[in-house]
Amino acid sequence: MIRITAAFGLVALTACAPFPDVAPPEAAAAARADYPALRPLSELLAAAETDPRITPEEIDALLARSRRVQARRPDIDTSDLAARAERLRQKAAALRAAPPA
C-alpha cells in the first residue's frame, strides 16, 4: 500500500511541473521566413526535364525493390497502383503539352 501511495505521490508531483518549451530554434526562423516564390508550371516542368532529382539508375533500383517486395508478398494487389501511376503519367504529359498560361 505504501508503494502505491508513493508512486501516486510521484505522479502527482510531476503533474505540477511546468511543461518545457520544446519548439526547436528552427521553428521560429521558419515562421519568420518569406513565402516561397510562385513560379509558372511550364517553368517547373522544364526545370524537371533538364535537372531531374532522380536518376535513371535510382528509378531502376526502386523498380527492382518493388519487384522484390511483390515477390515476397504476392497477396498484395498493386494493379490499382500501376493504373494510378499510368493516369498520373498521362496527366503529366498533358500538362507538358498544354500551352503556357
PDB file of N, CA and C in Angstrom:
ATOM      1  N   MET A   1       0.818  -1.186   0.000  1.00  0.00           N
ATOM      2  CA  MET A   1       0.000   0.000   0.000  1.00  0.00           C
ATOM      3  C   MET A   1       0.867   1.258   0.000  1.00  0.00           C
ATOM      4  N   ILE A   2       1.971   1.192   0.718  1.00  0.00           N
ATOM      5  CA  ILE A   2       2.876   2.344   0.779  1.00  0.00           C
ATOM      6  C   ILE A   2       3.484   2.598  -0.600  1.00  0.00           C
ATOM      7  N   ARG A   3       3.787   1.526  -1.342  1.00  0.00           N
ATOM      8  CA  ARG A   3       4.375   1.686  -2.671  1.00  0.00           C
ATOM      9  C   ARG A   3       3.400   2.392  -3.607  1.00  0.00           C
ATOM     10  N   ILE A   4       2.136   2.008  -3.533  1.00  0.00           N
ATOM     11  CA  ILE A   4       1.130   2.625  -4.397  1.00  0.00           C
ATOM     12  C   ILE A   4       0.977   4.099  -4.053  1.00  0.00           C
ATOM     13  N   THR A   5       0.965   4.401  -2.770  1.00  0.00           N
ATOM     14  CA  THR A   5       0.838   5.787  -2.331  1.00  0.00           C
ATOM     15  C   THR A   5       2.053   6.599  -2.771  1.00  0.00           C
ATOM     16  N   ALA A   6       3.239   6.027  -2.644  1.00  0.00           N
ATOM     17  CA  ALA A   6       4.457   6.720  -3.056  1.00  0.00           C
ATOM     18  C   ALA A   6       4.450   6.940  -4.565  1.00  0.00           C
ATOM     19  N   ALA A   7       4.055   5.928  -5.324  1.00  0.00           N
ATOM     20  CA  ALA A   7       4.006   6.068  -6.777  1.00  0.00           C
ATOM     21  C   ALA A   7       2.996   7.143  -7.183  1.00  0.00           C
ATOM     22  N   PHE A   8       1.843   7.137  -6.553  1.00  0.00           N
ATOM     23  CA  PHE A   8       0.830   8.147  -6.839  1.00  0.00           C
ATOM     24  C   PHE A   8       1.341   9.537  -6.494  1.00  0.00           C
ATOM     25  N   GLY A   9       2.066   9.650  -5.393  1.00  0.00           N
ATOM     26  CA  GLY A   9       2.629  10.938  -4.989  1.00  0.00           C
ATOM     27  C   GLY A   9       3.632  11.455  -6.001  1.00  0.00           C
ATOM     28  N   LEU A  10       4.472  10.569  -6.539  1.00  0.00           N
ATOM     29  CA  LEU A  10       5.443  10.989  -7.553  1.00  0.00           C
ATOM     30  C   LEU A  10       4.748  11.443  -8.835  1.00  0.00           C
ATOM     31  N   VAL A  11       3.722  10.723  -9.228  1.00  0.00           N
ATOM     32  CA  VAL A  11       2.971  11.109 -10.429  1.00  0.00           C
ATOM     33  C   VAL A  11       2.300  12.460 -10.206  1.00  0.00           C
ATOM     34  N   ALA A  12       1.743  12.665  -9.032  1.00  0.00           N
ATOM     35  CA  ALA A  12       1.074  13.928  -8.730  1.00  0.00           C
ATOM     36  C   ALA A  12       2.063  15.088  -8.738  1.00  0.00           C
ATOM     37  N   LEU A  13       3.272  14.866  -8.234  1.00  0.00           N
ATOM     38  CA  LEU A  13       4.280  15.928  -8.228  1.00  0.00           C
ATOM     39  C   LEU A  13       4.716  16.284  -9.645  1.00  0.00           C
ATOM     40  N   THR A  14       4.859  15.294 -10.518  1.00  0.00           N
ATOM     41  CA  THR A  14       5.273  15.596 -11.892  1.00  0.00           C
ATOM     42  C   THR A  14       4.174  16.312 -12.652  1.00  0.00           C
ATOM     43  N   ALA A  15       2.931  16.116 -12.282  1.00  0.00           N
ATOM     44  CA  ALA A  15       1.827  16.808 -12.944  1.00  0.00           C
ATOM     45  C   ALA A  15       1.847  18.292 -12.630  1.00  0.00           C
ATOM     46  N   CYS A  16       2.462  18.697 -11.555  1.00  0.00           N
ATOM     47  CA  CYS A  16       2.519  20.105 -11.168  1.00  0.00           C
ATOM     48  C   CYS A  16       3.669  20.842 -11.852  1.00  0.00           C
ATOM     49  N   ALA A  17       4.580  20.131 -12.448  1.00  0.00           N
ATOM     50  CA  ALA A  17       5.736  20.764 -13.080  1.00  0.00           C
ATOM     51  C   ALA A  17       5.315  21.460 -14.370  1.00  0.00           C
ATOM     52  N   PRO A  18       5.912  22.606 -14.683  1.00  0.00           N
ATOM     53  CA  PRO A  18       5.575  23.290 -15.934  1.00  0.00           C
ATOM     54  C   PRO A  18       6.102  22.487 -17.127  1.00  0.00           C
ATOM     55  N   PHE A  19       5.360  22.521 -18.215  1.00  0.00           N
ATOM     56  CA  PHE A  19       5.769  21.797 -19.415  1.00  0.00           C
ATOM     57  C   PHE A  19       6.891  22.573 -20.090  1.00  0.00           C
ATOM     58  N   PRO A  20       7.996  21.924 -20.426  1.00  0.00           N
ATOM     59  CA  PRO A  20       9.126  22.647 -21.028  1.00  0.00           C
ATOM     60  C   PRO A  20       8.805  23.089 -22.454  1.00  0.00           C
ATOM     61  N   ASP A  21       9.438  24.168 -22.876  1.00  0.00           N
ATOM     62  CA  ASP A  21       9.287  24.659 -24.237  1.00  0.00           C
ATOM     63  C   ASP A  21      10.122  23.765 -25.146  1.00  0.00           C
ATOM     64  N   VAL A  22       9.469  23.010 -25.999  1.00  0.00           N
ATOM     65  CA  VAL A  22      10.179  22.039 -26.820  1.00  0.00           C
ATOM     66  C   VAL A  22      10.269  22.453 -28.285  1.00  0.00           C
ATOM     67  N   ALA A  23       9.846  23.656 -28.613  1.00  0.00           N
ATOM     68  CA  ALA A  23       9.923  24.106 -30.001  1.00  0.00           C
ATOM     69  C   ALA A  23      11.389  24.248 -30.410  1.00  0.00           C
ATOM     70  N   PRO A  24      11.769  23.657 -31.525  1.00  0.00           N
ATOM     71  CA  PRO A  24      13.154  23.780 -31.966  1.00  0.00           C
ATOM     72  C   PRO A  24      13.441  25.204 -32.427  1.00  0.00           C
ATOM     73  N   PRO A  25      14.691  25.631 -32.343  1.00  0.00           N
ATOM     74  CA  PRO A  25      15.015  27.004 -32.751  1.00  0.00           C
ATOM     75  C   PRO A  25      14.696  27.273 -34.222  1.00  0.00           C
ATOM     76  N   GLU A  26      14.702  26.230 -35.067  1.00  0.00           N
ATOM     77  CA  GLU A  26      14.426  26.433 -36.486  1.00  0.00           C
ATOM     78  C   GLU A  26      12.976  26.838 -36.714  1.00  0.00           C
ATOM     79  N   ALA A  27      12.076  26.483 -35.803  1.00  0.00           N
ATOM     80  CA  ALA A  27      10.658  26.783 -35.985  1.00  0.00           C
ATOM     81  C   ALA A  27      10.430  28.295 -36.015  1.00  0.00           C
ATOM     82  N   ALA A  28      11.112  29.035 -35.186  1.00  0.00           N
ATOM     83  CA  ALA A  28      10.946  30.487 -35.169  1.00  0.00           C
ATOM     84  C   ALA A  28      11.467  31.090 -36.467  1.00  0.00           C
ATOM     85  N   ALA A  29      12.601  30.597 -36.951  1.00  0.00           N
ATOM     86  CA  ALA A  29      13.159  31.109 -38.200  1.00  0.00           C
ATOM     87  C   ALA A  29      12.232  30.772 -39.371  1.00  0.00           C
ATOM     88  N   ALA A  30      11.648  29.593 -39.352  1.00  0.00           N
ATOM     89  CA  ALA A  30      10.733  29.198 -40.428  1.00  0.00           C
ATOM     90  C   ALA A  30       9.470  30.052 -40.393  1.00  0.00           C
ATOM     91  N   ALA A  31       9.013  30.415 -39.217  1.00  0.00           N
ATOM     92  CA  ALA A  31       7.811  31.243 -39.102  1.00  0.00           C
ATOM     93  C   ALA A  31       8.060  32.650 -39.638  1.00  0.00           C
ATOM     94  N   ARG A  32       9.286  33.142 -39.507  1.00  0.00           N
ATOM     95  CA  ARG A  32       9.620  34.486 -39.985  1.00  0.00           C
ATOM     96  C   ARG A  32       9.981  34.511 -41.462  1.00  0.00           C
ATOM     97  N   ALA A  33      10.238  33.366 -42.072  1.00  0.00           N
ATOM     98  CA  ALA A  33      10.694  33.315 -43.460  1.00  0.00           C
ATOM     99  C   ALA A  33       9.597  33.756 -44.417  1.00  0.00           C
ATOM    100  N   ASP A  34      10.035  34.277 -45.575  1.00  0.00           N
ATOM    101  CA  ASP A  34       9.086  34.668 -46.609  1.00  0.00           C
ATOM    102  C   ASP A  34       8.463  33.430 -47.243  1.00  0.00           C
ATOM    103  N   TYR A  35       7.296  33.624 -47.838  1.00  0.00           N
ATOM    104  CA  TYR A  35       6.665  32.537 -48.574  1.00  0.00           C
ATOM    105  C   TYR A  35       7.505  32.242 -49.817  1.00  0.00           C
ATOM    106  N   PRO A  36       7.501  30.998 -50.277  1.00  0.00           N
ATOM    107  CA  PRO A  36       8.253  30.702 -51.496  1.00  0.00           C
ATOM    108  C   PRO A  36       7.642  31.433 -52.696  1.00  0.00           C
ATOM    109  N   ALA A  37       8.480  31.746 -53.635  1.00  0.00           N
ATOM    110  CA  ALA A  37       8.007  32.443 -54.832  1.00  0.00           C
ATOM    111  C   ALA A  37       7.179  31.496 -55.686  1.00  0.00           C
ATOM    112  N   LEU A  38       6.093  32.013 -56.242  1.00  0.00           N
ATOM    113  CA  LEU A  38       5.265  31.227 -57.151  1.00  0.00           C
ATOM    114  C   LEU A  38       5.892  31.289 -58.536  1.00  0.00           C
ATOM    115  N   ARG A  39       6.023  30.124 -59.153  1.00  0.00           N
ATOM    116  CA  ARG A  39       6.617  30.051 -60.484  1.00  0.00           C
ATOM    117  C   ARG A  39       5.633  29.369 -61.426  1.00  0.00           C
ATOM    118  N   PRO A  40       5.668  29.730 -62.706  1.00  0.00           N
ATOM    119  CA  PRO A  40       4.759  29.093 -63.658  1.00  0.00           C
ATOM    120  C   PRO A  40       5.036  27.596 -63.763  1.00  0.00           C
ATOM    121  N   LEU A  41       3.980  26.824 -63.986  1.00  0.00           N
ATOM    122  CA  LEU A  41       4.112  25.378 -64.092  1.00  0.00           C
ATOM    123  C   LEU A  41       5.018  24.988 -65.246  1.00  0.00           C
ATOM    124  N   SER A  42       4.931  25.705 -66.359  1.00  0.00           N
ATOM    125  CA  SER A  42       5.772  25.369 -67.514  1.00  0.00           C
ATOM    126  C   SER A  42       7.252  25.499 -67.160  1.00  0.00           C
ATOM    127  N   GLU A  43       7.579  26.490 -66.356  1.00  0.00           N
ATOM    128  CA  GLU A  43       8.963  26.677 -65.920  1.00  0.00           C
ATOM    129  C   GLU A  43       9.409  25.527 -65.019  1.00  0.00           C
ATOM    130  N   LEU A  44       8.530  25.100 -64.125  1.00  0.00           N
ATOM    131  CA  LEU A  44       8.859  23.993 -63.228  1.00  0.00           C
ATOM    132  C   LEU A  44       9.024  22.689 -64.005  1.00  0.00           C
ATOM    133  N   LEU A  45       8.138  22.439 -64.968  1.00  0.00           N
ATOM    134  CA  LEU A  45       8.246  21.221 -65.768  1.00  0.00           C
ATOM    135  C   LEU A  45       9.514  21.229 -66.608  1.00  0.00           C
ATOM    136  N   ALA A  46       9.872  22.393 -67.169  1.00  0.00           N
ATOM    137  CA  ALA A  46      11.105  22.489 -67.950  1.00  0.00           C
ATOM    138  C   ALA A  46      12.313  22.239 -67.065  1.00  0.00           C
ATOM    139  N   ALA A  47      12.302  22.756 -65.857  1.00  0.00           N
ATOM    140  CA  ALA A  47      13.422  22.530 -64.930  1.00  0.00           C
ATOM    141  C   ALA A  47      13.515  21.060 -64.553  1.00  0.00           C
ATOM    142  N   ALA A  48      12.368  20.399 -64.403  1.00  0.00           N
ATOM    143  CA  ALA A  48      12.378  18.977 -64.060  1.00  0.00           C
ATOM    144  C   ALA A  48      12.950  18.140 -65.196  1.00  0.00           C
ATOM    145  N   GLU A  49      12.729  18.580 -66.433  1.00  0.00           N
ATOM    146  CA  GLU A  49      13.262  17.849 -67.579  1.00  0.00           C
ATOM    147  C   GLU A  49      14.779  18.000 -67.674  1.00  0.00           C
ATOM    148  N   THR A  50      15.292  19.185 -67.385  1.00  0.00           N
ATOM    149  CA  THR A  50      16.728  19.430 -67.541  1.00  0.00           C
ATOM    150  C   THR A  50      17.538  19.035 -66.310  1.00  0.00           C
ATOM    151  N   ASP A  51      16.938  19.078 -65.144  1.00  0.00           N
ATOM    152  CA  ASP A  51      17.664  18.772 -63.909  1.00  0.00           C
ATOM    153  C   ASP A  51      16.826  17.833 -63.050  1.00  0.00           C
ATOM    154  N   PRO A  52      16.733  16.568 -63.455  1.00  0.00           N
ATOM    155  CA  PRO A  52      15.898  15.656 -62.671  1.00  0.00           C
ATOM    156  C   PRO A  52      16.509  15.396 -61.292  1.00  0.00           C
ATOM    157  N   ARG A  53      15.645  15.230 -60.321  1.00  0.00           N
ATOM    158  CA  ARG A  53      16.100  14.950 -58.956  1.00  0.00           C
ATOM    159  C   ARG A  53      16.370  13.468 -58.747  1.00  0.00           C
ATOM    160  N   ILE A  54      15.876  12.639 -59.661  1.00  0.00           N
ATOM    161  CA  ILE A  54      16.089  11.208 -59.536  1.00  0.00           C
ATOM    162  C   ILE A  54      16.704  10.717 -60.842  1.00  0.00           C
ATOM    163  N   THR A  55      17.732   9.919 -60.728  1.00  0.00           N
ATOM    164  CA  THR A  55      18.446   9.436 -61.903  1.00  0.00           C
ATOM    165  C   THR A  55      17.799   8.157 -62.430  1.00  0.00           C
ATOM    166  N   PRO A  56      18.061   7.810 -63.681  1.00  0.00           N
ATOM    167  CA  PRO A  56      17.530   6.549 -64.211  1.00  0.00           C
ATOM    168  C   PRO A  56      17.996   5.335 -63.401  1.00  0.00           C
ATOM    169  N   GLU A  57      19.193   5.391 -62.853  1.00  0.00           N
ATOM    170  CA  GLU A  57      19.682   4.289 -62.026  1.00  0.00           C
ATOM    171  C   GLU A  57      18.848   4.141 -60.760  1.00  0.00           C
ATOM    172  N   GLU A  58      18.464   5.277 -60.176  1.00  0.00           N
ATOM    173  CA  GLU A  58      17.624   5.233 -58.976  1.00  0.00           C
ATOM    174  C   GLU A  58      16.232   4.694 -59.299  1.00  0.00           C
ATOM    175  N   ILE A  59      15.718   5.062 -60.457  1.00  0.00           N
ATOM    176  CA  ILE A  59      14.415   4.533 -60.881  1.00  0.00           C
ATOM    177  C   ILE A  59      14.498   3.019 -61.030  1.00  0.00           C
ATOM    178  N   ASP A  60      15.564   2.541 -61.690  1.00  0.00           N
ATOM    179  CA  ASP A  60      15.733   1.095 -61.857  1.00  0.00           C
ATOM    180  C   ASP A  60      15.849   0.394 -60.510  1.00  0.00           C
ATOM    181  N   ALA A  61      16.584   1.008 -59.570  1.00  0.00           N
ATOM    182  CA  ALA A  61      16.743   0.405 -58.246  1.00  0.00           C
ATOM    183  C   ALA A  61      15.405   0.340 -57.511  1.00  0.00           C
ATOM    184  N   LEU A  62      14.593   1.402 -57.622  1.00  0.00           N
ATOM    185  CA  LEU A  62      13.285   1.400 -56.968  1.00  0.00           C
ATOM    186  C   LEU A  62      12.349   0.367 -57.592  1.00  0.00           C
ATOM    187  N   LEU A  63      12.394   0.241 -58.913  1.00  0.00           N
ATOM    188  CA  LEU A  63      11.560  -0.770 -59.566  1.00  0.00           C
ATOM    189  C   LEU A  63      11.985  -2.178 -59.172  1.00  0.00           C
ATOM    190  N   ALA A  64      13.292  -2.405 -59.075  1.00  0.00           N
ATOM    191  CA  ALA A  64      13.782  -3.722 -58.652  1.00  0.00           C
ATOM    192  C   ALA A  64      13.358  -4.011 -57.216  1.00  0.00           C
ATOM    193  N   ARG A  65      13.430  -3.005 -56.370  1.00  0.00           N
ATOM    194  CA  ARG A  65      12.991  -3.184 -54.981  1.00  0.00           C
ATOM    195  C   ARG A  65      11.505  -3.497 -54.918  1.00  0.00           C
ATOM    196  N   SER A  66      10.726  -2.817 -55.743  1.00  0.00           N
ATOM    197  CA  SER A  66       9.296  -3.076 -55.791  1.00  0.00           C
ATOM    198  C   SER A  66       9.010  -4.506 -56.243  1.00  0.00           C
ATOM    199  N   ARG A  67       9.737  -4.973 -57.245  1.00  0.00           N
ATOM    200  CA  ARG A  67       9.542  -6.350 -57.708  1.00  0.00           C
ATOM    201  C   ARG A  67       9.896  -7.357 -56.616  1.00  0.00           C
ATOM    202  N   ARG A  68      10.957  -7.071 -55.843  1.00  0.00           N
ATOM    203  CA  ARG A  68      11.327  -7.977 -54.747  1.00  0.00           C
ATOM    204  C   ARG A  68      10.238  -8.025 -53.684  1.00  0.00           C
ATOM    205  N   VAL A  69       9.673  -6.863 -53.350  1.00  0.00           N
ATOM    206  CA  VAL A  69       8.597  -6.826 -52.361  1.00  0.00           C
ATOM    207  C   VAL A  69       7.385  -7.588 -52.881  1.00  0.00           C
ATOM    208  N   GLN A  70       7.049  -7.386 -54.140  1.00  0.00           N
ATOM    209  CA  GLN A  70       5.899  -8.086 -54.714  1.00  0.00           C
ATOM    210  C   GLN A  70       6.137  -9.586 -54.755  1.00  0.00           C
ATOM    211  N   ALA A  71       7.386 -10.005 -54.963  1.00  0.00           N
ATOM    212  CA  ALA A  71       7.698 -11.438 -54.982  1.00  0.00           C
ATOM    213  C   ALA A  71       7.534 -12.038 -53.588  1.00  0.00           C
ATOM    214  N   ARG A  72       7.878 -11.263 -52.554  1.00  0.00           N
ATOM    215  CA  ARG A  72       7.733 -11.762 -51.184  1.00  0.00           C
ATOM    216  C   ARG A  72       6.281 -11.784 -50.737  1.00  0.00           C
ATOM    217  N   ARG A  73       5.499 -10.844 -51.232  1.00  0.00           N
ATOM    218  CA  ARG A  73       4.095 -10.726 -50.818  1.00  0.00           C
ATOM    219  C   ARG A  73       3.182 -10.730 -52.045  1.00  0.00           C
ATOM    220  N   PRO A  74       2.974 -11.884 -52.652  1.00  0.00           N
ATOM    221  CA  PRO A  74       2.128 -11.912 -53.855  1.00  0.00           C
ATOM    222  C   PRO A  74       0.661 -11.604 -53.569  1.00  0.00           C
ATOM    223  N   ASP A  75       0.254 -11.628 -52.309  1.00  0.00           N
ATOM    224  CA  ASP A  75      -1.138 -11.351 -51.968  1.00  0.00           C
ATOM    225  C   ASP A  75      -1.484  -9.862 -52.028  1.00  0.00           C
ATOM    226  N   ILE A  76      -0.471  -9.001 -52.123  1.00  0.00           N
ATOM    227  CA  ILE A  76      -0.719  -7.565 -52.190  1.00  0.00           C
ATOM    228  C   ILE A  76      -1.072  -7.211 -53.633  1.00  0.00           C
ATOM    229  N   ASP A  77      -2.226  -6.617 -53.814  1.00  0.00           N
ATOM    230  CA  ASP A  77      -2.679  -6.240 -55.147  1.00  0.00           C
ATOM    231  C   ASP A  77      -2.163  -4.847 -55.477  1.00  0.00           C
ATOM    232  N   THR A  78      -1.270  -4.758 -56.443  1.00  0.00           N
ATOM    233  CA  THR A  78      -0.712  -3.468 -56.832  1.00  0.00           C
ATOM    234  C   THR A  78      -1.233  -3.025 -58.193  1.00  0.00           C
ATOM    235  N   SER A  79      -2.209  -3.727 -58.736  1.00  0.00           N
ATOM    236  CA  SER A  79      -2.712  -3.364 -60.059  1.00  0.00           C
ATOM    237  C   SER A  79      -3.312  -1.961 -60.045  1.00  0.00           C
ATOM    238  N   ASP A  80      -3.978  -1.597 -58.954  1.00  0.00           N
ATOM    239  CA  ASP A  80      -4.548  -0.256 -58.873  1.00  0.00           C
ATOM    240  C   ASP A  80      -3.442   0.796 -58.835  1.00  0.00           C
ATOM    241  N   LEU A  81      -2.337   0.483 -58.173  1.00  0.00           N
ATOM    242  CA  LEU A  81      -1.231   1.428 -58.126  1.00  0.00           C
ATOM    243  C   LEU A  81      -0.636   1.639 -59.502  1.00  0.00           C
ATOM    244  N   ALA A  82      -0.503   0.565 -60.268  1.00  0.00           N
ATOM    245  CA  ALA A  82       0.043   0.682 -61.619  1.00  0.00           C
ATOM    246  C   ALA A  82      -0.884   1.514 -62.497  1.00  0.00           C
ATOM    247  N   ALA A  83      -2.189   1.293 -62.369  1.00  0.00           N
ATOM    248  CA  ALA A  83      -3.151   2.072 -63.147  1.00  0.00           C
ATOM    249  C   ALA A  83      -3.108   3.543 -62.746  1.00  0.00           C
ATOM    250  N   ARG A  84      -2.982   3.796 -61.466  1.00  0.00           N
ATOM    251  CA  ARG A  84      -2.905   5.190 -60.990  1.00  0.00           C
ATOM    252  C   ARG A  84      -1.631   5.855 -61.485  1.00  0.00           C
ATOM    253  N   ALA A  85      -0.526   5.132 -61.457  1.00  0.00           N
ATOM    254  CA  ALA A  85       0.732   5.689 -61.953  1.00  0.00           C
ATOM    255  C   ALA A  85       0.614   6.027 -63.438  1.00  0.00           C
ATOM    256  N   GLU A  86      -0.049   5.173 -64.197  1.00  0.00           N
ATOM    257  CA  GLU A  86      -0.239   5.444 -65.625  1.00  0.00           C
ATOM    258  C   GLU A  86      -1.114   6.676 -65.840  1.00  0.00           C
ATOM    259  N   ARG A  87      -2.180   6.824 -65.042  1.00  0.00           N
ATOM    260  CA  ARG A  87      -3.020   8.026 -65.155  1.00  0.00           C
ATOM    261  C   ARG A  87      -2.218   9.283 -64.823  1.00  0.00           C
ATOM    262  N   LEU A  88      -1.365   9.204 -63.813  1.00  0.00           N
ATOM    263  CA  LEU A  88      -0.538  10.358 -63.446  1.00  0.00           C
ATOM    264  C   LEU A  88       0.459  10.695 -64.556  1.00  0.00           C
ATOM    265  N   ARG A  89       1.024   9.659 -65.191  1.00  0.00           N
ATOM    266  CA  ARG A  89       1.940   9.902 -66.317  1.00  0.00           C
ATOM    267  C   ARG A  89       1.213  10.596 -67.464  1.00  0.00           C
ATOM    268  N   GLN A  90      -0.013  10.155 -67.740  1.00  0.00           N
ATOM    269  CA  GLN A  90      -0.792  10.771 -68.817  1.00  0.00           C
ATOM    270  C   GLN A  90      -1.119  12.216 -68.501  1.00  0.00           C
ATOM    271  N   LYS A  91      -1.480  12.511 -67.243  1.00  0.00           N
ATOM    272  CA  LYS A  91      -1.770  13.886 -66.851  1.00  0.00           C
ATOM    273  C   LYS A  91      -0.525  14.765 -66.944  1.00  0.00           C
ATOM    274  N   ALA A  92       0.615  14.219 -66.539  1.00  0.00           N
ATOM    275  CA  ALA A  92       1.872  14.987 -66.635  1.00  0.00           C
ATOM    276  C   ALA A  92       2.205  15.269 -68.085  1.00  0.00           C
ATOM    277  N   ALA A  93       1.992  14.286 -68.972  1.00  0.00           N
ATOM    278  CA  ALA A  93       2.244  14.509 -70.390  1.00  0.00           C
ATOM    279  C   ALA A  93       1.308  15.571 -70.948  1.00  0.00           C
ATOM    280  N   ALA A  94       0.048  15.553 -70.518  1.00  0.00           N
ATOM    281  CA  ALA A  94      -0.908  16.550 -70.974  1.00  0.00           C
ATOM    282  C   ALA A  94      -0.504  17.944 -70.484  1.00  0.00           C
ATOM    283  N   LEU A  95      -0.024  18.047 -69.256  1.00  0.00           N
ATOM    284  CA  LEU A  95       0.423  19.349 -68.732  1.00  0.00           C
ATOM    285  C   LEU A  95       1.636  19.847 -69.493  1.00  0.00           C
ATOM    286  N   ARG A  96       2.535  18.952 -69.851  1.00  0.00           N
ATOM    287  CA  ARG A  96       3.712  19.355 -70.608  1.00  0.00           C
ATOM    288  C   ARG A  96       3.318  19.853 -72.001  1.00  0.00           C
ATOM    289  N   ALA A  97       2.294  19.221 -72.591  1.00  0.00           N
ATOM    290  CA  ALA A  97       1.865  19.571 -73.947  1.00  0.00           C
ATOM    291  C   ALA A  97       0.998  20.820 -73.976  1.00  0.00           C
ATOM    292  N   ALA A  98       0.399  21.201 -72.858  1.00  0.00           N
ATOM    293  CA  ALA A  98      -0.501  22.358 -72.814  1.00  0.00           C
ATOM    294  C   ALA A  98       0.293  23.634 -73.017  1.00  0.00           C
ATOM    295  N   PRO A  99      -0.320  24.613 -73.697  1.00  0.00           N
ATOM    296  CA  PRO A  99       0.373  25.893 -73.890  1.00  0.00           C
ATOM    297  C   PRO A  99       0.504  26.622 -72.552  1.00  0.00           C
ATOM    298  N   PRO A 100       1.577  27.369 -72.380  1.00  0.00           N
ATOM    299  CA  PRO A 100       1.756  28.096 -71.100  1.00  0.00           C
ATOM    300  C   PRO A 100       0.640  29.119 -70.904  1.00  0.00           C
ATOM    301  N   ALA A 101       0.260  29.255 -69.660  1.00  0.00           N
ATOM    302  CA  ALA A 101      -0.844  30.182 -69.334  1.00  0.00           C
ATOM    303  C   ALA A 101      -0.376  31.607 -69.280  1.00  0.00           C
TER     304      ALA A 101
END
